[in-house]
Amino acid sequence: MRREPRPLTSRQEAVLAAIRSSLTERGHGPTVREIGARVGLSSTSSVAHQLGRLEARGLIARTGRDWSTCVLVEEQPARRPGLRSRGPGAGADRYGQRPTP
């Protein structure tokens, strides 16, 4: 049984908005302190925690070591339940071989 992912918290949405606006305005991500100032978090540790949760969810990714190198990851369209792949191996039996006629 698959669980639906939890919705973003208001703080996570605010952090994403801060990243999005920084990327649009300046072409690079904000620093941890800049994000904290925008969303009202004084602790850099709590900002890093929020960034880590967003990275774990696949919404942002870092291109370097620092958080200021983060980029937004394009969201994948949700899969509809019950649809199967039509990719390679479609129609193969359980051993990976196509049945012979």
Protein backbone atom coordinates (compact mmCIF):
# COMPACT_ATOMS: atom_id res chain seq x y z
CA MET A 1 0.00 0.00 0.00
CA ARG A 2 1.43 3.35 -1.05
CA ARG A 3 1.14 6.41 1.10
CA GLU A 4 0.45 9.77 -0.39
CA PRO A 5 3.29 12.20 0.34
CA ARG A 6 2.57 14.68 3.06
CA PRO A 7 1.84 18.21 1.89
CA LEU A 8 4.54 20.81 2.38
CA THR A 9 4.46 22.77 5.60
CA SER A 10 4.05 26.53 5.41
CA ARG A 11 7.68 26.93 6.41
CA GLN A 12 8.84 24.59 3.63
CA GLU A 13 6.73 26.52 1.13
CA ALA A 14 8.30 29.77 2.36
CA VAL A 15 11.81 28.33 1.96
CA LEU A 16 10.98 27.18 -1.58
CA ALA A 17 9.60 30.63 -2.39
CA ALA A 18 12.80 32.26 -1.08
CA ILE A 19 14.92 29.96 -3.24
CA ARG A 20 12.72 30.51 -6.29
CA SER A 21 12.84 34.31 -5.96
CA SER A 22 16.61 34.34 -5.43
CA LEU A 23 17.14 32.18 -8.51
CA THR A 24 14.90 34.50 -10.54
CA GLU A 25 16.39 37.76 -9.26
CA ARG A 26 20.09 36.89 -9.02
CA GLY A 27 20.57 33.65 -10.92
CA HIS A 28 21.86 31.69 -7.92
CA GLY A 29 20.46 30.34 -4.70
CA PRO A 30 20.40 32.28 -1.43
CA THR A 31 22.68 31.57 1.49
CA VAL A 32 21.36 29.83 4.58
CA ARG A 33 21.35 33.15 6.46
CA GLU A 34 19.45 34.90 3.65
CA ILE A 35 16.80 32.17 3.70
CA GLY A 36 16.54 32.48 7.47
CA ALA A 37 16.06 36.24 7.25
CA ARG A 38 13.33 35.87 4.61
CA VAL A 39 11.32 33.18 6.39
CA GLY A 40 11.88 34.30 9.97
CA LEU A 41 14.27 31.60 11.19
CA SER A 42 17.16 32.86 13.31
CA SER A 43 18.94 29.51 13.60
CA THR A 44 21.00 28.41 10.60
CA SER A 45 20.59 24.86 11.86
CA SER A 46 16.82 25.03 11.49
CA VAL A 47 17.19 26.45 7.97
CA ALA A 48 19.58 23.61 7.09
CA HIS A 49 17.05 21.14 8.50
CA GLN A 50 14.29 22.52 6.26
CA LEU A 51 16.62 22.43 3.26
CA GLY A 52 17.55 18.83 4.05
CA ARG A 53 13.87 17.83 4.19
CA LEU A 54 13.22 19.51 0.83
CA GLU A 55 16.25 17.78 -0.65
CA ALA A 56 15.07 14.42 0.71
CA ARG A 57 11.69 14.97 -0.95
CA GLY A 58 13.43 15.65 -4.25
CA LEU A 59 12.25 19.25 -4.57
CA ILE A 60 15.72 20.82 -4.51
CA ALA A 61 19.20 19.59 -5.31
CA ARG A 62 22.67 20.99 -4.72
CA THR A 63 25.10 21.37 -7.59
CA GLY A 64 27.97 21.97 -5.18
CA ARG A 65 28.78 21.62 -1.52
CA ASP A 66 27.01 24.73 -0.22
CA TRP A 67 23.28 25.30 0.02
CA SER A 68 23.65 28.46 -2.08
CA THR A 69 24.25 26.15 -5.05
CA CYS A 70 20.79 24.59 -4.74
CA VAL A 71 18.46 24.45 -7.71
CA LEU A 72 14.80 23.57 -7.97
CA VAL A 73 14.08 20.12 -9.30
CA GLU A 74 11.26 19.85 -11.79
CA GLU A 75 8.39 17.94 -10.28
CA GLN A 76 7.56 14.67 -11.96
CA PRO A 77 3.93 14.23 -12.99
CA ALA A 78 2.04 11.98 -10.62
CA ARG A 79 1.52 8.45 -11.87
CA ARG A 80 -2.00 7.25 -12.10
CA PRO A 81 -2.55 4.05 -10.14
CA GLY A 82 -3.10 0.92 -12.15
CA LEU A 83 -1.09 1.91 -15.21
CA ARG A 84 1.83 -0.27 -16.16
CA SER A 85 4.96 0.58 -18.02
CA ARG A 86 5.06 0.04 -21.76
CA GLY A 87 8.84 0.28 -21.76
CA PRO A 88 11.42 -2.41 -22.48
CA GLY A 89 10.39 -5.81 -21.27
CA ALA A 90 6.67 -5.11 -21.42
CA GLY A 91 4.85 -8.35 -22.09
CA ALA A 92 7.71 -10.52 -20.86
CA ASP A 93 6.98 -13.41 -18.54
CA ARG A 94 8.17 -13.44 -14.95
CA TYR A 95 11.63 -14.65 -15.92
CA GLY A 96 12.24 -11.78 -18.30
CA GLN A 97 11.80 -13.87 -21.45
CA ARG A 98 9.10 -13.36 -24.02
CA PRO A 99 6.90 -16.40 -24.49
CA THR A 100 7.50 -18.33 -27.70
CA PRO A 101 4.46 -18.85 -29.93
